[in-house]
Amino acid sequence: MQNKLMYMRKIVVFCASLVFLASCKSKENSNSDADSNASGQELKVFKGKVIDDKRKSVEYAAVKLYLDDDDCMSAYTDAEGRFEFSVDELRVKDQSHFEIVYKGYSINMLSLRNFKENQSIKLSKKGDVIPTAEYHVFYEEIKNCNN
């Protein structure tokens, strides 16, 4: 009787796992469908790299892409200092720009119009240097952007 009960529990856990995996997979598929724009427009990919004053890659730099006053996207640099945004070109405006923040460096702002594909963005220690606490606030704050 106890073996039968144990067997039933395993079946229930297995079925619950299948349902969970299926729901995760369907959510993943719906998200990838959202990546293809409903208007049929191609997504523009902006790739770049953040480096320090010694030309070394900066990991975990917070990169905010302001598309307009009410629309932004966020990314964080990887181990090689790279970041990437895929943006519907209709969202890009004349005032669109990047804001790159990392502790111990000043804020770097760069117009999207002046940005070249795979461009390296060099951080500087000249000007108002961002303390660690402000960096952490910005790092968390940009998670609220609409990616």
C-alpha atoms as a PDB file:
ATOM      1  CA  MET A   1       0.000   0.000   0.000  1.00  0.00           C
ATOM      2  CA  GLN A   2       2.803   2.407   0.899  1.00  0.00           C
ATOM      3  CA  ASN A   3       4.632   1.592  -2.373  1.00  0.00           C
ATOM      4  CA  LYS A   4       1.450   2.332  -4.292  1.00  0.00           C
ATOM      5  CA  LEU A   5       1.088   5.683  -2.496  1.00  0.00           C
ATOM      6  CA  MET A   6       4.732   6.545  -3.223  1.00  0.00           C
ATOM      7  CA  TYR A   7       4.224   5.617  -6.887  1.00  0.00           C
ATOM      8  CA  MET A   8       1.141   7.867  -7.072  1.00  0.00           C
ATOM      9  CA  ARG A   9       3.072  10.780  -5.572  1.00  0.00           C
ATOM     10  CA  LYS A  10       5.803  10.366  -8.192  1.00  0.00           C
ATOM     11  CA  ILE A  11       3.199  10.406 -10.954  1.00  0.00           C
ATOM     12  CA  VAL A  12       1.599  13.573  -9.539  1.00  0.00           C
ATOM     13  CA  VAL A  13       4.985  15.313  -9.261  1.00  0.00           C
ATOM     14  CA  PHE A  14       5.886  14.222 -12.780  1.00  0.00           C
ATOM     15  CA  CYS A  15       2.585  15.501 -14.216  1.00  0.00           C
ATOM     16  CA  ALA A  16       2.909  18.809 -12.344  1.00  0.00           C
ATOM     17  CA  SER A  17       6.439  19.186 -13.727  1.00  0.00           C
ATOM     18  CA  LEU A  18       5.191  18.574 -17.259  1.00  0.00           C
ATOM     19  CA  VAL A  19       2.451  21.182 -16.864  1.00  0.00           C
ATOM     20  CA  PHE A  20       4.966  23.681 -15.486  1.00  0.00           C
ATOM     21  CA  LEU A  21       7.436  23.076 -18.317  1.00  0.00           C
ATOM     22  CA  ALA A  22       4.705  23.327 -20.934  1.00  0.00           C
ATOM     23  CA  SER A  23       3.484  26.636 -19.516  1.00  0.00           C
ATOM     24  CA  CYS A  24       7.044  28.020 -19.444  1.00  0.00           C
ATOM     25  CA  LYS A  25       7.616  26.932 -23.035  1.00  0.00           C
ATOM     26  CA  SER A  26       4.363  28.535 -24.220  1.00  0.00           C
ATOM     27  CA  LYS A  27       5.308  31.784 -22.453  1.00  0.00           C
ATOM     28  CA  GLU A  28       8.720  31.647 -24.136  1.00  0.00           C
ATOM     29  CA  ASN A  29       7.056  31.180 -27.526  1.00  0.00           C
ATOM     30  CA  SER A  30       4.686  34.086 -26.930  1.00  0.00           C
ATOM     31  CA  ASN A  31       7.639  36.296 -25.980  1.00  0.00           C
ATOM     32  CA  SER A  32       9.525  35.392 -29.140  1.00  0.00           C
ATOM     33  CA  ASP A  33       6.401  36.183 -31.161  1.00  0.00           C
ATOM     34  CA  ALA A  34       6.363  39.600 -29.528  1.00  0.00           C
ATOM     35  CA  ASP A  35       9.904  40.173 -30.788  1.00  0.00           C
ATOM     36  CA  SER A  36       8.677  40.197 -34.346  1.00  0.00           C
ATOM     37  CA  ASN A  37       6.999  43.557 -34.708  1.00  0.00           C
ATOM     38  CA  ALA A  38       3.269  43.617 -35.486  1.00  0.00           C
ATOM     39  CA  SER A  39       3.734  46.453 -37.986  1.00  0.00           C
ATOM     40  CA  GLY A  40       6.151  44.341 -40.006  1.00  0.00           C
ATOM     41  CA  GLN A  41       9.080  46.686 -39.308  1.00  0.00           C
ATOM     42  CA  GLU A  42      12.525  45.226 -38.863  1.00  0.00           C
ATOM     43  CA  LEU A  43      14.216  45.581 -35.537  1.00  0.00           C
ATOM     44  CA  LYS A  44      17.370  47.674 -35.529  1.00  0.00           C
ATOM     45  CA  VAL A  45      20.157  46.157 -33.455  1.00  0.00           C
ATOM     46  CA  PHE A  46      22.530  48.474 -31.612  1.00  0.00           C
ATOM     47  CA  LYS A  47      25.653  46.733 -30.319  1.00  0.00           C
ATOM     48  CA  GLY A  48      28.457  48.387 -28.442  1.00  0.00           C
ATOM     49  CA  LYS A  49      31.217  47.959 -25.933  1.00  0.00           C
ATOM     50  CA  VAL A  50      32.056  49.922 -22.796  1.00  0.00           C
ATOM     51  CA  ILE A  51      35.738  50.383 -21.989  1.00  0.00           C
ATOM     52  CA  ASP A  52      37.642  52.238 -19.283  1.00  0.00           C
ATOM     53  CA  ASP A  53      40.368  54.858 -19.675  1.00  0.00           C
ATOM     54  CA  LYS A  54      42.934  52.051 -20.096  1.00  0.00           C
ATOM     55  CA  ARG A  55      40.825  50.498 -22.903  1.00  0.00           C
ATOM     56  CA  LYS A  56      39.864  47.511 -20.726  1.00  0.00           C
ATOM     57  CA  SER A  57      36.341  46.097 -20.905  1.00  0.00           C
ATOM     58  CA  VAL A  58      33.940  47.273 -18.200  1.00  0.00           C
ATOM     59  CA  GLU A  59      31.733  44.500 -16.847  1.00  0.00           C
ATOM     60  CA  TYR A  60      28.323  45.343 -15.286  1.00  0.00           C
ATOM     61  CA  ALA A  61      28.106  48.879 -16.622  1.00  0.00           C
ATOM     62  CA  ALA A  62      24.483  50.027 -16.635  1.00  0.00           C
ATOM     63  CA  VAL A  63      23.375  51.194 -20.085  1.00  0.00           C
ATOM     64  CA  LYS A  64      20.096  53.060 -20.492  1.00  0.00           C
ATOM     65  CA  LEU A  65      18.772  53.844 -23.956  1.00  0.00           C
ATOM     66  CA  TYR A  66      16.407  56.813 -23.863  1.00  0.00           C
ATOM     67  CA  LEU A  67      14.168  56.563 -26.930  1.00  0.00           C
ATOM     68  CA  ASP A  68      12.085  59.592 -25.909  1.00  0.00           C
ATOM     69  CA  ASP A  69      10.826  61.193 -22.681  1.00  0.00           C
ATOM     70  CA  ASP A  70       8.541  58.263 -21.788  1.00  0.00           C
ATOM     71  CA  ASP A  71      10.291  55.335 -23.454  1.00  0.00           C
ATOM     72  CA  CYS A  72      13.553  53.672 -22.448  1.00  0.00           C
ATOM     73  CA  MET A  73      15.363  50.357 -22.594  1.00  0.00           C
ATOM     74  CA  SER A  74      18.082  48.951 -20.356  1.00  0.00           C
ATOM     75  CA  ALA A  75      21.045  46.623 -20.639  1.00  0.00           C
ATOM     76  CA  TYR A  76      24.080  45.650 -18.620  1.00  0.00           C
ATOM     77  CA  THR A  77      27.488  44.938 -20.076  1.00  0.00           C
ATOM     78  CA  ASP A  78      28.796  41.391 -20.066  1.00  0.00           C
ATOM     79  CA  ALA A  79      32.302  40.179 -19.128  1.00  0.00           C
ATOM     80  CA  GLU A  80      33.673  41.610 -22.391  1.00  0.00           C
ATOM     81  CA  GLY A  81      31.961  44.971 -21.800  1.00  0.00           C
ATOM     82  CA  ARG A  82      29.420  44.353 -24.572  1.00  0.00           C
ATOM     83  CA  PHE A  83      25.774  45.384 -24.659  1.00  0.00           C
ATOM     84  CA  GLU A  84      23.018  45.049 -27.233  1.00  0.00           C
ATOM     85  CA  PHE A  85      19.583  46.552 -27.907  1.00  0.00           C
ATOM     86  CA  SER A  86      17.020  45.391 -30.489  1.00  0.00           C
ATOM     87  CA  VAL A  87      14.714  48.314 -31.196  1.00  0.00           C
ATOM     88  CA  ASP A  88      11.784  48.908 -33.522  1.00  0.00           C
ATOM     89  CA  GLU A  89      13.050  51.739 -35.713  1.00  0.00           C
ATOM     90  CA  LEU A  90       9.729  53.569 -35.257  1.00  0.00           C
ATOM     91  CA  ARG A  91      10.593  54.045 -31.577  1.00  0.00           C
ATOM     92  CA  VAL A  92      13.892  55.823 -32.343  1.00  0.00           C
ATOM     93  CA  LYS A  93      13.615  59.617 -32.230  1.00  0.00           C
ATOM     94  CA  ASP A  94      16.040  62.482 -32.883  1.00  0.00           C
ATOM     95  CA  GLN A  95      16.618  62.911 -29.147  1.00  0.00           C
ATOM     96  CA  SER A  96      17.312  59.187 -28.517  1.00  0.00           C
ATOM     97  CA  HIS A  97      20.552  58.658 -26.600  1.00  0.00           C
ATOM     98  CA  PHE A  98      22.529  56.302 -24.385  1.00  0.00           C
ATOM     99  CA  GLU A  99      23.400  56.956 -20.758  1.00  0.00           C
ATOM    100  CA  ILE A 100      26.187  54.738 -19.436  1.00  0.00           C
ATOM    101  CA  VAL A 101      26.853  54.605 -15.693  1.00  0.00           C
ATOM    102  CA  TYR A 102      29.533  52.753 -13.767  1.00  0.00           C
ATOM    103  CA  LYS A 103      30.913  53.339 -10.281  1.00  0.00           C
ATOM    104  CA  GLY A 104      34.090  55.407 -10.153  1.00  0.00           C
ATOM    105  CA  TYR A 105      33.476  57.038 -13.556  1.00  0.00           C
ATOM    106  CA  SER A 106      31.486  60.020 -14.753  1.00  0.00           C
ATOM    107  CA  ILE A 107      28.184  59.528 -16.584  1.00  0.00           C
ATOM    108  CA  ASN A 108      28.656  59.115 -20.321  1.00  0.00           C
ATOM    109  CA  MET A 109      25.877  60.273 -22.635  1.00  0.00           C
ATOM    110  CA  LEU A 110      25.963  59.556 -26.354  1.00  0.00           C
ATOM    111  CA  SER A 111      23.421  60.465 -29.012  1.00  0.00           C
ATOM    112  CA  LEU A 112      22.084  57.483 -30.908  1.00  0.00           C
ATOM    113  CA  ARG A 113      22.616  59.442 -34.150  1.00  0.00           C
ATOM    114  CA  ASN A 114      26.362  59.618 -33.374  1.00  0.00           C
ATOM    115  CA  PHE A 115      26.603  55.955 -32.418  1.00  0.00           C
ATOM    116  CA  LYS A 116      28.289  53.606 -34.868  1.00  0.00           C
ATOM    117  CA  GLU A 117      27.688  49.846 -34.902  1.00  0.00           C
ATOM    118  CA  ASN A 118      29.952  47.973 -32.443  1.00  0.00           C
ATOM    119  CA  GLN A 119      31.407  51.259 -31.245  1.00  0.00           C
ATOM    120  CA  SER A 120      33.497  51.306 -28.088  1.00  0.00           C
ATOM    121  CA  ILE A 121      32.291  53.848 -25.553  1.00  0.00           C
ATOM    122  CA  LYS A 122      35.095  55.044 -23.320  1.00  0.00           C
ATOM    123  CA  LEU A 123      34.328  55.955 -19.721  1.00  0.00           C
ATOM    124  CA  SER A 124      36.186  58.821 -18.095  1.00  0.00           C
ATOM    125  CA  LYS A 125      37.068  59.820 -14.553  1.00  0.00           C
ATOM    126  CA  LYS A 126      36.882  63.511 -15.481  1.00  0.00           C
ATOM    127  CA  GLY A 127      33.928  65.451 -14.132  1.00  0.00           C
ATOM    128  CA  ASP A 128      31.461  64.240 -11.516  1.00  0.00           C
ATOM    129  CA  VAL A 129      32.426  60.678 -10.653  1.00  0.00           C
ATOM    130  CA  ILE A 130      29.564  58.357  -9.700  1.00  0.00           C
ATOM    131  CA  PRO A 131      29.871  56.879  -6.200  1.00  0.00           C
ATOM    132  CA  THR A 132      29.036  53.209  -5.693  1.00  0.00           C
ATOM    133  CA  ALA A 133      25.702  53.955  -3.974  1.00  0.00           C
ATOM    134  CA  GLU A 134      24.448  56.089  -6.896  1.00  0.00           C
ATOM    135  CA  TYR A 135      25.591  53.454  -9.364  1.00  0.00           C
ATOM    136  CA  HIS A 136      23.579  50.792  -7.529  1.00  0.00           C
ATOM    137  CA  VAL A 137      20.486  53.021  -7.506  1.00  0.00           C
ATOM    138  CA  PHE A 138      20.780  53.639 -11.269  1.00  0.00           C
ATOM    139  CA  TYR A 139      21.515  49.940 -11.898  1.00  0.00           C
ATOM    140  CA  GLU A 140      18.275  48.938 -10.156  1.00  0.00           C
ATOM    141  CA  GLU A 141      16.226  51.879 -11.473  1.00  0.00           C
ATOM    142  CA  ILE A 142      16.754  51.067 -15.144  1.00  0.00           C
ATOM    143  CA  LYS A 143      15.187  47.650 -14.671  1.00  0.00           C
ATOM    144  CA  ASN A 144      11.868  49.555 -14.867  1.00  0.00           C
ATOM    145  CA  CYS A 145      12.463  50.510 -18.497  1.00  0.00           C
ATOM    146  CA  ASN A 146      10.292  48.899 -21.167  1.00  0.00           C
ATOM    147  CA  ASN A 147      12.586  46.487 -22.953  1.00  0.00           C
END
